[in-house]
């Protein structure tokens, strides 16, 4: 076999056909210059053709992936394999096969089911979720909130240019008059650009939202305090029964009160005694009293006759209301007008995680899907999140979700045309005058050029792709490099990563300024840029080191130091090349 290390010129195996498989394959073959074998069920599909057009990529077409096919794809000589199909069961089965056949192979598995992921994850097997990485950024975009970055010694956040209370550390994204985005602009470029997204220092007491990509808890672990209140049930009963229940109860009450007042006048008894005498024949049909006053007898007869007609009416209204109430509660439909909430359209893997994330943060949310058997319907109903079943391209469905008073709508359906249609339909719903903020639209769009055009047509809209946000995490995991967070803006993405300097690499004994790359050159992944945020020093045998420090003029980089950087994807690849020891000539055994 060929003795190769991670990164440049290593071989990788990818199993899957879709946007994430394509972006991952492109990153491995271009940014990390590896050779990639991609196993697909149909080489004529859109993404398979795009992957086949890449250099250093070979497609393996098969209906069934087994050990023979994996061997043909080079699993026996690969540095890592990625299983990125949207099939948890199939991915788990392949992961177990790879673990048995090639125990030393590093396997990265795409999993949505959290319990499966926890059982599978161990040494040489990394479990990731594309939706887990994409959901925090999408939620932050919908809520217009800060994105917290996990740098241990500082509280760093990515903020918009509207934030003025936090001290700015650097400009992450800027635009020119035409709206062209520049990532990590240098001082010379920044003179002609408008800063849009900044890196800021947050104080200890600043309240920042949690933005993590950890696996979610199991369903039986979430929010045990959530229980339907009796008051909510009564309000729903009143809504479903409506005027019928009020009218029936009113008629019965009038009959009883008139009968009681007549008995009081006829007998001279107290009102409470007369009311007692009136209620019994009206509601229970009491035994006749032959010694009673003739007027009382007549009233009792009338009350009994009237009650025969009224009581079944009241009973029918109550029973019908109870049945309709239970159906509404079971369906999870919105029971009252909502405002300042978020509407999530599409309850697949990503939509389900977004609904969970919003609900955990206490943000009111309404879920919408055309398919009542969609994966996230049960999750939404278990969390008492209102659910609307219908086509979100129709105005009636959007009005049922109260889009007109919502703060944002998140559309994560699978079809591009469907997503765009929903975006335009949501924009057409009129907003009341007392709702000052415009509707924020976050759309799941794969094509970055289409995303730009949508932003021009739909004000206050954001186009994001889960594969666009998750691919850097998967690629970094495959080459043994840890990405801590992604920072998206329009069609660009920056990554916060940790890079370990290897013995004999070019970065060892270099100055921290050499990590700040501002190069005019571009490669297949874009402009080569990076910024150094912090250094975790090499632990010493004597007990020193191993602490996070700021870059300084008097410090030089050493082998086994860990760099915390923000970079473009091309810049991250260049830094990794600088931090990796030169490869020895390949030797054949």
Protein backbone atom coordinates (compact mmCIF):
# COMPACT_ATOMS: atom_id res chain seq x y z
CA UNK A 1 0.00 0.00 0.00
CA UNK A 2 1.05 3.64 -0.36
CA UNK A 3 2.28 5.36 2.78
CA UNK A 4 0.60 8.77 2.79
CA UNK A 5 -0.41 11.12 5.53
CA UNK A 6 -3.47 13.32 5.93
CA UNK A 7 -4.08 16.35 3.74
CA UNK A 8 -2.21 16.86 0.50
CA UNK A 9 -2.21 13.91 -1.94
CA UNK A 10 -4.07 11.61 0.47
CA UNK A 11 -6.86 9.39 -0.84
CA UNK A 12 -10.47 9.69 0.36
CA UNK A 13 -13.68 7.74 -0.19
CA UNK A 14 -17.08 9.50 -0.24
CA UNK A 15 -20.37 7.58 -0.30
CA UNK A 16 -23.31 9.74 -1.32
CA UNK A 17 -24.89 11.79 -4.07
CA UNK A 18 -26.19 15.25 -3.23
CA UNK A 19 -25.15 18.84 -2.45
CA UNK A 20 -23.12 17.88 0.62
CA UNK A 21 -21.31 15.08 -1.23
CA UNK A 22 -20.43 17.48 -4.05
CA UNK A 23 -19.16 20.29 -1.81
CA UNK A 24 -17.19 17.82 0.31
CA UNK A 25 -15.64 16.15 -2.74
CA UNK A 26 -14.72 19.52 -4.23
CA UNK A 27 -13.07 20.62 -0.99
CA UNK A 28 -11.06 17.39 -0.68
CA UNK A 29 -9.90 17.38 -4.31
CA UNK A 30 -9.15 21.10 -4.71
CA UNK A 31 -8.56 22.72 -1.33
CA UNK A 32 -6.72 19.70 0.11
CA UNK A 33 -5.44 18.32 -3.23
CA UNK A 34 -6.43 14.78 -2.46
CA UNK A 35 -7.70 12.04 -4.72
CA UNK A 36 -11.33 11.09 -4.13
CA UNK A 37 -13.40 8.06 -5.09
CA UNK A 38 -17.13 8.81 -4.91
CA UNK A 39 -19.62 5.94 -4.76
CA UNK A 40 -22.95 6.94 -6.32
CA UNK A 41 -26.09 5.02 -7.34
CA UNK A 42 -26.45 6.89 -10.66
CA UNK A 43 -23.58 8.66 -12.42
CA UNK A 44 -26.04 10.57 -14.64
CA UNK A 45 -27.49 12.59 -11.74
CA UNK A 46 -26.80 16.32 -11.50
CA UNK A 47 -24.36 16.20 -8.60
CA UNK A 48 -22.63 13.05 -9.84
CA UNK A 49 -21.86 14.80 -13.13
CA UNK A 50 -20.53 17.85 -11.30
CA UNK A 51 -18.29 15.64 -9.16
CA UNK A 52 -17.03 13.71 -12.20
CA UNK A 53 -15.94 16.97 -13.83
CA UNK A 54 -13.53 17.69 -10.94
CA UNK A 55 -9.84 16.85 -11.17
CA UNK A 56 -8.57 13.90 -9.11
CA UNK A 57 -12.12 12.56 -8.66
CA UNK A 58 -13.28 9.10 -9.83
CA UNK A 59 -16.90 7.92 -9.72
CA UNK A 60 -17.87 4.37 -8.79
CA UNK A 61 -21.45 3.57 -9.80
CA UNK A 62 -23.29 0.82 -7.95
CA UNK A 63 -26.76 -0.06 -6.71
CA UNK A 64 -25.44 -1.69 -3.55
CA UNK A 65 -22.37 -0.69 -1.54
CA UNK A 66 -20.48 -3.70 -0.15
CA UNK A 67 -16.91 -4.61 0.76
CA UNK A 68 -16.04 -5.38 -2.87
CA UNK A 69 -17.21 -1.97 -4.06
CA UNK A 70 -15.42 -0.19 -1.20
CA UNK A 71 -12.21 -2.01 -2.03
CA UNK A 72 -12.56 -0.96 -5.68
CA UNK A 73 -12.97 2.64 -4.46
CA UNK A 74 -9.69 2.39 -2.56
CA UNK A 75 -10.92 2.06 1.03
CA UNK A 76 -7.91 -0.14 1.82
CA UNK A 77 -5.50 2.75 1.06
CA UNK A 78 -7.69 5.71 2.02
CA UNK A 79 -6.92 8.14 4.81
CA UNK A 80 -10.62 8.63 5.57
CA UNK A 81 -14.09 7.77 4.32
CA UNK A 82 -17.25 9.88 4.51
CA UNK A 83 -20.78 8.44 4.51
CA UNK A 84 -23.04 11.38 3.65
CA UNK A 85 -26.26 9.86 2.28
CA UNK A 86 -29.51 11.00 3.90
CA UNK A 87 -30.13 7.50 5.23
CA UNK A 88 -29.21 6.96 8.87
CA UNK A 89 -29.70 3.20 8.72
CA UNK A 90 -27.62 2.76 5.57
CA UNK A 91 -24.85 4.99 6.90
CA UNK A 92 -24.67 3.07 10.18
CA UNK A 93 -24.52 -0.28 8.35
CA UNK A 94 -21.67 0.96 6.13
CA UNK A 95 -19.82 2.44 9.12
CA UNK A 96 -19.92 -0.94 10.88
CA UNK A 97 -18.71 -2.65 7.71
CA UNK A 98 -15.79 -0.23 7.33
CA UNK A 99 -14.88 -0.59 11.00
CA UNK A 100 -14.79 -4.37 10.67
CA UNK A 101 -12.90 -4.52 7.36
CA UNK A 102 -10.45 -1.65 7.93
CA UNK A 103 -10.18 -0.86 11.67
CA UNK A 104 -7.53 1.85 11.16
CA UNK A 105 -9.64 3.81 8.65
CA UNK A 106 -11.06 7.11 9.91
CA UNK A 107 -14.81 7.16 9.14
CA UNK A 108 -16.97 10.30 9.15
CA UNK A 109 -20.68 9.50 9.29
CA UNK A 110 -23.62 11.80 8.58
CA UNK A 111 -26.33 11.02 11.15
CA UNK A 112 -29.53 12.83 12.11
CA UNK A 113 -30.73 10.45 14.85
CA UNK A 114 -28.90 11.52 18.01
CA UNK A 115 -29.15 8.21 19.87
CA UNK A 116 -27.67 6.34 16.92
CA UNK A 117 -24.87 8.89 16.73
CA UNK A 118 -23.95 8.56 20.39
CA UNK A 119 -23.71 4.78 20.16
CA UNK A 120 -21.63 4.88 16.99
CA UNK A 121 -19.16 7.65 17.79
CA UNK A 122 -15.78 6.46 19.12
CA UNK A 123 -12.11 6.43 18.12
CA UNK A 124 -11.65 6.44 14.35
CA UNK A 125 -15.36 7.17 13.84
CA UNK A 126 -16.72 10.71 13.88
CA UNK A 127 -20.47 11.34 13.79
CA UNK A 128 -21.63 14.67 12.35
CA UNK A 129 -24.97 16.16 11.38
CA UNK A 130 -25.26 18.60 8.48
CA UNK A 131 -28.42 20.06 9.95
CA UNK A 132 -26.75 20.50 13.36
CA UNK A 133 -24.10 22.76 11.82
CA UNK A 134 -26.53 24.65 9.59
CA UNK A 135 -29.37 25.19 12.09
CA UNK A 136 -27.54 27.65 14.44
CA UNK A 137 -26.56 29.95 11.57
CA UNK A 138 -30.07 29.82 10.09
CA UNK A 139 -31.65 30.54 13.48
CA UNK A 140 -29.25 33.45 14.03
CA UNK A 141 -30.10 34.84 10.58
CA UNK A 142 -33.84 34.59 11.28
CA UNK A 143 -33.58 36.28 14.70
CA UNK A 144 -30.97 38.87 13.62
CA UNK A 145 -28.86 37.85 16.61
CA UNK A 146 -25.17 37.60 17.40
CA UNK A 147 -23.18 34.47 16.62
CA UNK A 148 -20.91 33.43 19.49
CA UNK A 149 -17.51 32.00 18.58
CA UNK A 150 -15.88 29.35 20.82
CA UNK A 151 -12.49 30.88 21.60
CA UNK A 152 -11.64 29.96 25.18
CA UNK A 153 -9.82 33.04 26.45
CA UNK A 154 -12.16 35.65 24.93
CA UNK A 155 -15.86 36.13 24.33
CA UNK A 156 -15.86 36.78 20.60
CA UNK A 157 -19.00 37.31 18.56
CA UNK A 158 -19.79 37.98 14.92
CA UNK A 159 -22.05 41.03 14.71
CA UNK A 160 -23.58 43.18 12.01
CA UNK A 161 -22.51 46.73 11.29
CA UNK A 162 -25.55 47.95 13.26
CA UNK A 163 -23.99 46.82 16.55
CA UNK A 164 -22.28 49.75 18.27
CA UNK A 165 -22.03 48.70 21.92
CA UNK A 166 -19.26 46.11 21.49
CA UNK A 167 -15.61 46.91 20.65
CA UNK A 168 -14.69 45.77 17.15
CA UNK A 169 -11.65 43.57 16.66
CA UNK A 170 -11.66 43.09 12.86
CA UNK A 171 -13.88 43.28 9.78
CA UNK A 172 -15.01 39.85 8.62
CA UNK A 173 -17.07 40.81 5.56
CA UNK A 174 -17.40 44.06 3.63
CA UNK A 175 -19.14 45.08 0.40
CA UNK A 176 -18.63 47.64 -2.34
CA UNK A 177 -21.30 49.77 -4.00
CA UNK A 178 -22.28 46.92 -6.31
CA UNK A 179 -22.81 44.58 -3.36
CA UNK A 180 -19.76 42.43 -4.09
CA UNK A 181 -18.64 40.70 -0.89
CA UNK A 182 -15.01 40.71 0.27
CA UNK A 183 -14.06 38.31 3.07
CA UNK A 184 -11.41 39.43 5.56
CA UNK A 185 -10.48 42.65 3.72
CA UNK A 186 -7.06 44.19 4.39
CA UNK A 187 -6.56 47.81 5.43
CA UNK A 188 -5.98 48.96 1.87
CA UNK A 189 -9.17 47.35 0.56
CA UNK A 190 -11.26 48.47 3.52
CA UNK A 191 -10.80 52.13 2.57
CA UNK A 192 -13.23 51.67 -0.32
CA UNK A 193 -15.57 49.14 1.25
CA UNK A 194 -18.48 49.25 3.70
CA UNK A 195 -18.05 46.91 6.71
CA UNK A 196 -21.02 44.56 7.10
CA UNK A 197 -20.03 41.79 9.52
CA UNK A 198 -17.55 42.45 12.32
CA UNK A 199 -15.70 40.41 14.91
CA UNK A 200 -16.30 41.98 18.31
CA UNK A 201 -15.26 41.47 21.93
CA UNK A 202 -18.15 40.77 24.28
CA UNK A 203 -17.98 41.59 27.97
CA UNK A 204 -18.52 39.09 30.74
CA UNK A 205 -22.03 40.34 31.45
CA UNK A 206 -23.18 40.70 27.84
CA UNK A 207 -26.06 38.32 27.18
CA UNK A 208 -25.26 36.28 24.10
CA UNK A 209 -27.31 33.49 22.51
CA UNK A 210 -26.00 29.95 22.57
CA UNK A 211 -24.96 28.93 19.07
CA UNK A 212 -23.71 25.36 19.12
CA UNK A 213 -23.71 22.45 16.72
CA UNK A 214 -23.82 19.69 19.32
CA UNK A 215 -26.05 16.66 18.89
CA UNK A 216 -29.55 17.26 20.26
CA UNK A 217 -30.95 15.28 23.23
CA UNK A 218 -33.28 12.39 22.64
CA UNK A 219 -36.97 13.19 22.40
CA UNK A 220 -37.71 11.67 25.82
CA UNK A 221 -35.19 14.05 27.39
CA UNK A 222 -36.64 17.36 26.28
CA UNK A 223 -38.69 19.78 28.33
CA UNK A 224 -40.44 17.46 30.84
CA UNK A 225 -42.21 20.50 32.35
CA UNK A 226 -44.28 21.01 29.22
CA UNK A 227 -47.86 19.92 29.86
CA UNK A 228 -51.10 21.22 28.46
CA UNK A 229 -52.79 23.48 30.96
CA UNK A 230 -56.46 23.10 31.84
CA UNK A 231 -56.99 26.74 30.95
CA UNK A 232 -55.66 26.14 27.45
CA UNK A 233 -58.07 23.26 27.04
CA UNK A 234 -61.00 25.44 28.15
CA UNK A 235 -59.99 28.25 25.77
CA UNK A 236 -59.82 25.76 22.91
CA UNK A 237 -63.23 24.35 23.89
CA UNK A 238 -64.70 27.85 23.82
CA UNK A 239 -63.18 28.49 20.37
CA UNK A 240 -64.48 25.24 18.87
CA UNK A 241 -67.97 25.43 20.46
CA UNK A 242 -68.42 29.10 19.73
CA UNK A 243 -71.83 30.72 19.89
CA UNK A 244 -73.73 27.42 19.94
CA UNK A 245 -72.61 26.64 23.48
CA UNK A 246 -73.29 30.19 24.67
CA UNK A 247 -76.76 30.22 23.10
CA UNK A 248 -77.75 26.83 24.53
CA UNK A 249 -76.49 27.71 28.00
CA UNK A 250 -78.21 31.10 27.84
CA UNK A 251 -81.60 29.62 26.92
CA UNK A 252 -81.40 27.10 29.76
CA UNK A 253 -80.36 29.78 32.25
CA UNK A 254 -83.24 32.09 31.24
CA UNK A 255 -85.80 29.26 31.54
CA UNK A 256 -84.59 28.33 35.03
CA UNK A 257 -84.47 31.94 36.28
CA UNK A 258 -87.96 32.77 34.93
CA UNK A 259 -89.36 29.61 36.53
CA UNK A 260 -87.68 30.39 39.88
CA UNK A 261 -89.00 33.98 40.00
CA UNK A 262 -92.55 32.79 39.11
CA UNK A 263 -92.45 30.18 41.89
CA UNK A 264 -91.23 32.79 44.37
CA UNK A 265 -94.18 35.06 43.53
CA UNK A 266 -96.68 32.17 43.67
CA UNK A 267 -95.50 30.65 46.94
CA UNK A 268 -93.94 33.57 48.77
CA UNK A 269 -90.84 31.49 49.54
CA UNK A 270 -87.25 32.70 49.38
CA UNK A 271 -85.52 33.04 46.02
CA UNK A 272 -83.00 30.31 46.83
CA UNK A 273 -85.83 27.90 47.71
CA UNK A 274 -87.66 28.78 44.52
CA UNK A 275 -84.44 28.35 42.49
CA UNK A 276 -83.94 24.92 44.05
CA UNK A 277 -87.50 23.95 43.15
CA UNK A 278 -86.95 25.16 39.56
CA UNK A 279 -83.59 23.49 38.95
CA UNK A 280 -84.72 19.99 39.92
CA UNK A 281 -87.47 19.57 37.27
CA UNK A 282 -85.43 21.50 34.70
CA UNK A 283 -82.30 19.41 34.96
CA UNK A 284 -83.24 16.19 36.74
CA UNK A 285 -86.98 15.72 36.26
CA UNK A 286 -87.87 15.54 39.98
CA UNK A 287 -90.79 13.48 41.32
CA UNK A 288 -94.22 15.21 41.22
CA UNK A 289 -95.56 16.84 44.40
CA UNK A 290 -99.37 16.38 44.51
CA UNK A 291 -99.74 18.74 47.47
CA UNK A 292 -97.95 21.60 45.74
CA UNK A 293 -99.58 24.88 44.70
CA UNK A 294 -101.32 24.59 41.26
CA UNK A 295 -99.10 27.38 39.92
CA UNK A 296 -95.99 25.52 41.08
CA UNK A 297 -97.24 22.35 39.43
CA UNK A 298 -97.80 24.18 36.16
CA UNK A 299 -94.32 25.73 36.25
CA UNK A 300 -92.72 22.37 37.01
CA UNK A 301 -94.52 20.83 34.04
CA UNK A 302 -93.36 23.64 31.72
CA UNK A 303 -89.76 23.43 32.97
CA UNK A 304 -89.71 19.67 32.48
CA UNK A 305 -91.05 19.95 28.92
CA UNK A 306 -88.60 22.72 28.02
CA UNK A 307 -85.69 20.84 29.55
CA UNK A 308 -86.48 17.80 27.38
CA UNK A 309 -85.66 19.96 24.36
CA UNK A 310 -82.87 22.10 25.80
CA UNK A 311 -80.76 19.51 27.70
CA UNK A 312 -80.00 17.32 24.61
CA UNK A 313 -79.11 20.50 22.71
CA UNK A 314 -76.62 21.55 25.41
CA UNK A 315 -75.23 18.02 25.65
CA UNK A 316 -74.74 17.79 21.87
CA UNK A 317 -72.96 21.14 21.74
CA UNK A 318 -70.62 20.19 24.60
CA UNK A 319 -69.83 16.74 23.15
CA UNK A 320 -69.18 18.20 19.69
CA UNK A 321 -66.96 20.89 21.21
CA UNK A 322 -64.95 18.35 23.21
CA UNK A 323 -64.37 16.16 20.14
CA UNK A 324 -63.34 19.11 17.96
CA UNK A 325 -61.11 20.45 20.75
CA UNK A 326 -59.30 17.13 21.07
CA UNK A 327 -58.83 16.95 17.31
CA UNK A 328 -57.40 20.46 17.20
CA UNK A 329 -55.04 19.79 20.08
CA UNK A 330 -53.91 16.51 18.53
CA UNK A 331 -53.36 18.18 15.14
CA UNK A 332 -51.44 21.00 16.79
CA UNK A 333 -52.99 23.78 14.70
CA UNK A 334 -52.65 27.39 15.93
CA UNK A 335 -55.50 28.02 18.36
CA UNK A 336 -55.26 31.81 18.51
CA UNK A 337 -53.70 34.71 16.65
CA UNK A 338 -49.91 34.86 16.90
CA UNK A 339 -47.37 37.65 16.45
CA UNK A 340 -43.61 38.18 16.58
CA UNK A 341 -43.08 34.47 15.94
CA UNK A 342 -41.04 32.51 13.39
CA UNK A 343 -42.68 30.37 10.72
CA UNK A 344 -40.64 27.31 9.68
CA UNK A 345 -41.67 25.75 6.37
CA UNK A 346 -40.38 22.24 5.69
CA UNK A 347 -40.04 19.71 8.49
CA UNK A 348 -37.26 17.46 7.25
CA UNK A 349 -33.99 16.97 9.13
CA UNK A 350 -32.98 20.63 8.99
CA UNK A 351 -36.45 22.06 9.64
CA UNK A 352 -36.93 19.75 12.62
CA UNK A 353 -33.70 20.92 14.21
CA UNK A 354 -34.57 24.58 13.59
CA UNK A 355 -37.97 24.12 15.27
CA UNK A 356 -36.27 22.51 18.28
CA UNK A 357 -33.68 25.27 18.49
CA UNK A 358 -36.24 28.09 18.33
CA UNK A 359 -38.54 26.40 20.84
CA UNK A 360 -35.68 25.88 23.30
CA UNK A 361 -34.84 29.58 23.11
CA UNK A 362 -38.44 30.43 24.00
CA UNK A 363 -39.15 31.90 20.55
CA UNK A 364 -42.78 31.33 19.44
CA UNK A 365 -42.75 29.17 16.32
CA UNK A 366 -45.28 27.76 13.84
CA UNK A 367 -44.33 24.74 11.74
CA UNK A 368 -45.68 24.25 8.20
CA UNK A 369 -45.43 21.23 5.92
CA UNK A 370 -47.48 19.86 3.04
CA UNK A 371 -47.01 16.26 4.23
CA UNK A 372 -48.65 15.26 7.50
CA UNK A 373 -46.22 12.33 7.79
CA UNK A 374 -43.12 14.57 7.56
CA UNK A 375 -40.35 13.73 10.02
CA UNK A 376 -40.72 16.84 12.13
CA UNK A 377 -44.50 16.82 12.59
CA UNK A 378 -44.35 14.48 15.58
CA UNK A 379 -41.48 16.49 17.11
CA UNK A 380 -43.41 19.75 16.75
CA UNK A 381 -46.58 18.31 18.27
CA UNK A 382 -44.65 16.76 21.15
CA UNK A 383 -43.33 20.24 21.94
CA UNK A 384 -46.79 21.84 21.59
CA UNK A 385 -45.54 23.81 18.59
CA UNK A 386 -48.50 24.78 16.37
CA UNK A 387 -48.53 22.91 13.05
CA UNK A 388 -50.21 23.91 9.78
CA UNK A 389 -50.61 21.20 7.13
CA UNK A 390 -50.81 22.64 3.62
CA UNK A 391 -48.99 24.03 0.61
CA UNK A 392 -47.04 27.08 1.81
CA UNK A 393 -47.16 28.58 -1.69
CA UNK A 394 -50.86 29.26 -1.09
CA UNK A 395 -51.80 32.44 0.72
CA UNK A 396 -54.43 30.59 2.80
CA UNK A 397 -51.77 28.32 4.31
CA UNK A 398 -49.49 31.26 5.12
CA UNK A 399 -52.36 33.21 6.68
CA UNK A 400 -53.20 30.16 8.83
CA UNK A 401 -49.61 30.36 10.13
CA UNK A 402 -50.04 34.14 10.76
CA UNK A 403 -47.15 35.09 8.47
CA UNK A 404 -48.54 38.63 8.31
CA UNK A 405 -47.52 39.26 11.93
CA UNK A 406 -44.43 36.99 12.09
CA UNK A 407 -40.93 38.37 12.61
CA UNK A 408 -39.40 35.84 10.19
CA UNK A 409 -40.14 32.92 7.89
CA UNK A 410 -37.56 30.15 7.39
CA UNK A 411 -38.11 28.07 4.25
CA UNK A 412 -36.07 24.85 4.18
CA UNK A 413 -38.00 22.81 1.62
CA UNK A 414 -36.01 20.59 -0.75
CA UNK A 415 -37.06 22.05 -4.11
CA UNK A 416 -35.46 25.30 -5.27
CA UNK A 417 -38.52 26.44 -7.23
CA UNK A 418 -40.79 25.61 -4.28
CA UNK A 419 -38.59 27.58 -1.88
CA UNK A 420 -38.57 30.64 -4.14
CA UNK A 421 -42.32 30.43 -4.67
CA UNK A 422 -42.93 30.35 -0.93
CA UNK A 423 -40.64 33.35 -0.50
CA UNK A 424 -42.59 35.43 -2.98
CA UNK A 425 -45.94 34.28 -1.54
CA UNK A 426 -44.86 35.26 1.98
CA UNK A 427 -43.82 38.71 0.74
CA UNK A 428 -47.31 39.20 -0.75
CA UNK A 429 -49.11 38.68 2.59
CA UNK A 430 -50.09 42.17 3.88
CA UNK A 431 -48.68 43.22 7.24
CA UNK A 432 -50.76 45.26 9.72
CA UNK A 433 -49.70 48.85 10.32
CA UNK A 434 -48.87 48.11 13.97
CA UNK A 435 -46.14 45.63 12.90
CA UNK A 436 -43.18 47.96 12.31
CA UNK A 437 -40.46 45.51 11.30
CA UNK A 438 -40.45 43.91 7.84
CA UNK A 439 -40.70 40.16 7.44
CA UNK A 440 -37.27 38.49 7.56
CA UNK A 441 -37.00 35.68 5.00
CA UNK A 442 -34.36 32.96 5.31
CA UNK A 443 -34.43 30.66 2.29
CA UNK A 444 -32.61 27.40 1.68
CA UNK A 445 -30.95 27.99 -1.69
CA UNK A 446 -28.12 25.86 -3.05
CA UNK A 447 -26.98 28.04 -5.97
CA UNK A 448 -25.10 31.17 -4.81
CA UNK A 449 -25.91 33.13 -7.98
CA UNK A 450 -29.61 32.45 -7.45
CA UNK A 451 -29.20 33.54 -3.84
CA UNK A 452 -27.88 36.93 -5.01
CA UNK A 453 -30.80 37.43 -7.39
CA UNK A 454 -33.34 36.53 -4.70
CA UNK A 455 -31.84 39.13 -2.35
CA UNK A 456 -32.35 41.77 -5.04
CA UNK A 457 -35.98 40.75 -5.58
CA UNK A 458 -36.98 40.09 -1.95
CA UNK A 459 -35.92 42.76 0.57
CA UNK A 460 -34.54 41.61 3.92
CA UNK A 461 -33.97 38.06 2.68
CA UNK A 462 -31.07 35.66 3.25
CA UNK A 463 -30.19 32.66 1.11
CA UNK A 464 -28.31 29.86 2.90
CA UNK A 465 -27.51 26.23 2.13
CA UNK A 466 -27.02 23.51 4.73
CA UNK A 467 -24.35 21.83 2.59
CA UNK A 468 -22.60 25.21 2.16
CA UNK A 469 -22.42 25.59 5.95
CA UNK A 470 -21.66 21.96 6.83
CA UNK A 471 -19.12 20.95 4.16
CA UNK A 472 -16.13 22.68 5.88
CA UNK A 473 -16.84 20.72 9.06
CA UNK A 474 -16.96 17.38 7.24
CA UNK A 475 -13.83 18.10 5.20
CA UNK A 476 -11.89 19.28 8.25
CA UNK A 477 -12.90 16.17 10.19
CA UNK A 478 -11.71 13.91 7.37
CA UNK A 479 -8.22 15.44 7.24
CA UNK A 480 -7.88 15.55 11.03
CA UNK A 481 -8.36 19.28 11.43
CA UNK A 482 -10.85 20.78 13.88
CA UNK A 483 -13.25 23.45 12.63
CA UNK A 484 -14.89 25.19 15.58
CA UNK A 485 -17.51 27.33 13.82
CA UNK A 486 -18.61 28.68 10.46
CA UNK A 487 -19.52 32.33 9.81
CA UNK A 488 -21.73 32.79 6.74
CA UNK A 489 -22.60 36.02 4.97
CA UNK A 490 -24.54 35.94 1.72
CA UNK A 491 -22.67 33.55 -0.58
CA UNK A 492 -19.41 33.49 1.40
CA UNK A 493 -18.36 31.57 4.47
CA UNK A 494 -15.47 31.91 6.91
CA UNK A 495 -14.31 29.15 9.24
CA UNK A 496 -12.96 29.38 12.77
CA UNK A 497 -10.42 26.57 13.07
CA UNK A 498 -7.62 25.22 15.20
CA UNK A 499 -4.40 24.16 13.44
CA UNK A 500 -1.57 22.26 15.14
CA UNK A 501 1.93 23.16 13.96
CA UNK A 502 3.85 20.00 13.13
CA UNK A 503 7.56 19.45 13.76
CA UNK A 504 9.59 20.41 10.69
CA UNK A 505 6.83 22.53 9.12
CA UNK A 506 7.42 25.97 7.67
CA UNK A 507 5.35 27.67 10.38
CA UNK A 508 7.63 26.43 13.16
CA UNK A 509 9.91 29.28 14.31
CA UNK A 510 7.97 31.80 12.18
CA UNK A 511 6.44 35.02 13.50
CA UNK A 512 2.66 35.23 14.22
CA UNK A 513 2.39 37.95 11.55
CA UNK A 514 3.17 35.27 8.96
CA UNK A 515 -0.16 33.62 9.75
CA UNK A 516 -2.10 36.68 8.57
CA UNK A 517 -2.43 35.97 4.86
CA UNK A 518 -3.55 38.70 2.44
CA UNK A 519 -2.79 37.36 -0.99
CA UNK A 520 -4.20 38.55 -4.28
CA UNK A 521 -3.96 35.06 -5.75
CA UNK A 522 -7.00 32.81 -5.91
CA UNK A 523 -7.40 29.09 -6.25
CA UNK A 524 -10.47 26.92 -6.85
CA UNK A 525 -11.76 27.83 -3.39
CA UNK A 526 -11.34 31.62 -3.67
CA UNK A 527 -9.04 34.27 -2.19
CA UNK A 528 -6.31 33.07 0.19
CA UNK A 529 -6.86 34.94 3.48
CA UNK A 530 -6.59 34.29 7.19
CA UNK A 531 -6.29 36.10 10.53
CA UNK A 532 -4.65 34.80 13.70
CA UNK A 533 -6.80 35.17 16.84
CA UNK A 534 -4.88 33.28 19.52
CA UNK A 535 -2.15 30.72 20.20
CA UNK A 536 -2.43 27.73 22.53
CA UNK A 537 1.16 27.10 23.54
CA UNK A 538 2.81 23.71 23.55
CA UNK A 539 2.48 21.92 26.92
CA UNK A 540 5.85 21.45 28.63
CA UNK A 541 7.00 18.37 30.51
CA UNK A 542 7.83 20.62 33.47
CA UNK A 543 4.20 21.71 33.68
CA UNK A 544 4.46 25.03 31.83
CA UNK A 545 2.80 26.02 28.58
CA UNK A 546 -0.56 24.75 27.49
CA UNK A 547 -2.22 28.16 27.83
CA UNK A 548 -4.03 30.47 25.43
CA UNK A 549 -2.17 33.70 24.64
CA UNK A 550 -2.58 36.68 22.35
CA UNK A 551 -0.22 36.99 19.34
CA UNK A 552 2.64 39.32 20.27
CA UNK A 553 5.78 40.74 18.69
CA UNK A 554 8.09 38.94 21.11
CA UNK A 555 6.65 35.48 20.50
CA UNK A 556 7.60 32.99 17.81
CA UNK A 557 5.63 29.92 16.80
CA UNK A 558 6.81 26.48 17.87
CA UNK A 559 6.02 22.93 16.89
CA UNK A 560 2.95 21.56 18.74
CA UNK A 561 1.53 25.08 19.24
CA UNK A 562 -2.12 25.31 18.23
CA UNK A 563 -3.26 28.28 16.15
CA UNK A 564 -6.82 29.62 16.44
CA UNK A 565 -7.59 31.33 13.13
CA UNK A 566 -10.42 32.80 11.10
CA UNK A 567 -9.89 32.12 7.41
CA UNK A 568 -11.43 31.71 4.02
CA UNK A 569 -11.57 28.09 2.89
CA UNK A 570 -8.60 28.71 0.58
CA UNK A 571 -6.71 30.46 3.38
CA UNK A 572 -7.35 27.56 5.72
CA UNK A 573 -5.91 25.14 3.18
CA UNK A 574 -2.80 27.32 2.74
CA UNK A 575 -2.24 27.54 6.48
CA UNK A 576 -2.56 23.81 6.84
CA UNK A 577 0.08 23.35 4.15
CA UNK A 578 2.39 25.67 6.08
CA UNK A 579 1.71 23.86 9.36
CA UNK A 580 2.26 20.36 7.94
CA UNK A 581 5.67 18.76 7.79
CA UNK A 582 6.99 18.14 4.25
CA UNK A 583 5.84 14.78 2.92
CA UNK A 584 8.43 12.09 2.43
CA UNK A 585 8.51 10.48 -1.02
CA UNK A 586 5.85 7.84 -1.30
CA UNK A 587 7.16 4.33 -0.81
CA UNK A 588 5.52 1.19 -2.04
CA UNK A 589 5.36 -1.94 0.07
